[in-house]
Protein backbone atom coordinates (compact mmCIF):
# COMPACT_ATOMS: atom_id res chain seq x y z
CA MET A 1 155.63 64.27 66.93
CA GLU A 2 154.70 60.63 66.43
CA LYS A 3 151.20 61.71 65.33
CA VAL A 4 152.70 63.93 62.60
CA ARG A 5 154.88 61.05 61.39
CA ALA A 6 151.89 58.70 61.38
CA LEU A 7 149.90 61.21 59.28
CA ALA A 8 152.84 61.51 56.87
CA ARG A 9 152.89 57.70 56.54
CA GLY A 10 149.12 57.75 55.93
CA GLU A 11 148.31 55.64 58.98
CA TYR A 12 145.63 57.89 60.47
CA GLY A 13 144.72 61.50 61.12
CA GLU A 14 143.23 64.45 59.30
CA LEU A 15 144.63 66.30 56.31
CA HIS A 16 143.30 69.85 55.94
CA VAL A 17 143.23 70.88 52.27
CA GLY A 18 142.18 74.36 51.21
CA TYR A 19 140.96 75.04 47.72
CA ALA A 20 139.59 77.78 45.50
CA PRO A 21 136.56 76.21 43.82
CA SER A 22 136.63 77.46 40.24
CA PRO A 23 140.14 76.45 39.22
CA THR A 24 140.25 73.18 41.13
CA VAL A 25 137.01 71.56 39.98
CA GLU A 26 138.90 69.49 37.39
CA ILE A 27 141.89 68.61 39.60
CA LEU A 28 140.56 68.02 43.10
CA PRO A 29 138.12 65.08 42.66
CA PRO A 30 140.61 62.69 40.99
CA ALA A 31 143.39 63.78 43.36
CA LEU A 32 141.13 63.07 46.35
CA ALA A 33 140.14 59.68 44.98
CA ALA A 34 143.77 58.66 44.46
CA TYR A 35 144.82 59.94 47.91
CA GLN A 36 141.95 58.20 49.68
CA LYS A 37 142.72 54.95 47.88
CA ALA A 38 146.37 55.15 48.95
CA PHE A 39 145.64 56.36 52.51
CA PRO A 40 142.13 55.19 53.49
CA ARG A 41 142.62 55.85 57.20
CA VAL A 42 143.35 59.56 56.72
CA ARG A 43 140.30 61.81 56.81
CA VAL A 44 140.56 64.66 54.28
CA LEU A 45 138.85 67.91 55.29
CA LEU A 46 138.26 70.41 52.49
CA HIS A 47 138.06 74.15 53.11
CA ASP A 48 136.57 76.42 50.40
CA LEU A 49 138.54 79.67 50.78
CA SER A 50 139.73 82.74 48.93
CA GLU A 51 143.35 82.86 47.79
CA GLN A 52 144.42 85.09 50.68
CA GLU A 53 142.64 82.82 53.17
CA LEU A 54 144.47 79.84 51.65
CA VAL A 55 147.83 81.57 52.05
CA ASP A 56 146.95 82.59 55.62
CA GLY A 57 145.89 79.01 56.45
CA LEU A 58 149.16 77.59 55.11
CA GLN A 59 151.22 80.16 56.99
CA ASN A 60 149.42 79.72 60.32
CA GLY A 61 149.33 75.92 60.08
CA THR A 62 145.55 75.39 59.86
CA LEU A 63 146.02 73.96 56.34
CA GLU A 64 148.58 71.42 55.21
CA LEU A 65 147.92 71.86 51.49
CA ALA A 66 146.12 74.35 49.25
CA MET A 67 145.05 74.41 45.60
CA MET A 68 144.56 77.86 44.12
CA PRO A 69 144.91 79.88 40.94
CA GLY A 70 147.90 82.14 40.39
CA GLY A 71 149.21 83.15 43.76
CA ALA A 72 151.00 86.17 42.35
CA GLY A 73 150.74 89.36 44.34
CA LEU A 74 149.75 87.71 47.61
CA GLN A 75 151.74 87.94 50.81
CA SER A 76 153.03 84.40 50.49
CA GLY A 77 156.52 84.49 52.00
CA GLY A 78 157.93 81.09 52.89
CA LEU A 79 155.48 79.12 50.72
CA GLU A 80 156.34 77.05 47.69
CA PHE A 81 154.04 77.04 44.66
CA GLU A 82 153.90 74.39 41.97
CA ALA A 83 151.85 74.84 38.79
CA LEU A 84 149.45 71.93 38.24
CA ARG A 85 147.59 73.25 35.19
CA SER A 86 147.48 76.29 32.96
CA TYR A 87 144.26 77.55 31.41
CA PRO A 88 143.58 80.23 28.82
CA ILE A 89 141.47 83.16 29.85
CA CYS A 90 138.23 83.16 27.90
CA VAL A 91 134.89 84.91 27.73
CA ALA A 92 131.61 83.01 28.07
CA LEU A 93 128.74 84.41 26.04
CA ALA A 94 125.14 83.54 25.39
CA PRO A 95 124.69 82.20 21.83
CA THR A 96 122.50 85.23 21.08
CA HIS A 97 125.06 87.84 22.25
CA ARG A 98 126.31 90.14 19.50
CA PHE A 99 129.90 88.95 20.11
CA ALA A 100 129.02 85.25 19.80
CA ARG A 101 129.69 85.08 16.06
CA LEU A 102 133.01 86.95 16.23
CA LYS A 103 136.27 85.01 15.88
CA SER A 104 137.99 87.21 18.46
CA ILE A 105 137.04 89.92 20.94
CA THR A 106 139.32 92.70 22.17
CA LEU A 107 139.80 93.50 25.85
CA GLU A 108 138.28 96.89 25.16
CA GLN A 109 135.11 95.21 23.88
CA VAL A 110 134.95 92.95 26.93
CA ALA A 111 135.47 95.85 29.33
CA ALA A 112 132.60 97.76 27.73
CA GLU A 113 130.18 94.94 28.59
CA PRO A 114 128.64 94.34 32.04
CA LEU A 115 130.53 91.41 33.56
CA ILE A 116 129.46 88.69 35.96
CA GLY A 117 132.11 88.23 38.64
CA PHE A 118 132.65 87.15 42.22
CA ARG A 119 131.85 89.27 45.26
CA ARG A 120 134.83 91.42 46.17
CA LYS A 121 134.58 90.60 49.89
CA ASP A 122 134.64 86.83 49.22
CA TYR A 123 137.11 86.71 46.33
CA PRO A 124 139.28 89.85 46.32
CA GLU A 125 141.85 88.07 44.14
CA TYR A 126 139.31 88.06 41.30
CA TYR A 127 139.66 91.84 41.15
CA VAL A 128 143.45 91.61 41.32
CA GLY A 129 143.20 89.35 38.27
CA LEU A 130 140.96 91.82 36.45
CA ASP A 131 143.47 94.57 37.18
CA ARG A 132 146.30 92.39 35.81
CA ILE A 133 144.35 91.80 32.60
CA PHE A 134 142.86 95.23 31.97
CA GLY A 135 145.22 97.54 33.92
CA PRO A 136 148.01 97.74 31.33
CA LEU A 137 145.45 99.13 28.87
CA GLY A 138 144.13 101.67 31.38
CA ILE A 139 140.71 100.01 31.32
CA LYS A 140 138.40 99.39 34.29
CA PRO A 141 135.78 96.72 33.51
CA ARG A 142 132.38 96.96 35.19
CA VAL A 143 131.29 93.98 37.26
CA ALA A 144 127.51 94.33 37.13
CA VAL A 145 126.51 91.05 38.82
CA ASN A 146 128.26 89.51 41.80
CA ALA A 147 128.04 85.73 42.01
CA THR A 148 128.06 84.43 45.57
CA ALA A 149 128.79 80.75 44.99
CA PRO A 150 131.30 79.87 42.27
CA VAL A 151 131.51 76.21 41.20
CA ARG A 152 131.22 74.63 44.63
CA SER A 153 128.33 72.37 43.72
CA SER A 154 130.15 70.78 40.79
CA LEU A 155 132.82 69.15 42.96
CA LYS A 156 131.97 65.47 43.19
CA LEU A 157 133.35 64.25 46.50
CA LYS A 158 133.95 60.62 47.32
CA PRO A 159 132.65 59.08 50.56
CA GLY A 160 134.91 59.95 53.47
CA ALA A 161 135.77 63.45 52.26
CA ALA A 162 134.45 66.30 54.35
CA LEU A 163 133.62 69.73 52.97
CA ARG A 164 133.71 72.84 55.12
CA SER A 165 132.41 75.97 53.49
CA ARG A 166 134.42 79.13 54.13
CA PRO A 167 135.56 78.77 57.74
CA ARG A 168 137.41 81.82 59.05
CA PHE A 169 140.90 81.33 60.45
């Protein structure tokens, strides 16, 4: 019990933080820098996980904190969520794409195009999100290319932070 209190006071220990890479790339680096400045003797271990893995880690105690998008629709009983940021959903296009000069694009137009998305086995919540967006219209978009590594490489970690890629709990 004393060890837990010492960690809470920032005296020493390890803090396990789970994160979903794409939505936290803007938030995590400055938060880590501020935390490590305030508590330099605490080692922060980062775990790159899917949303469900983050929820599981919080529920089974292998994570103390998690940063993730949404959280809706997951089995997350007993957890508290706090919104840190809100982002609009947008479509990224090559400058030469026929939609690039349009002022707006309908969901029907987007769904008719081959999409680049995450692998279902690694990021099942991506497909839950697609269903939330396109489902009310009765549309099923086609994910033609599955990306295997989202934005992991763009996280700039400060010395002392440890990164663990997709451990299984």
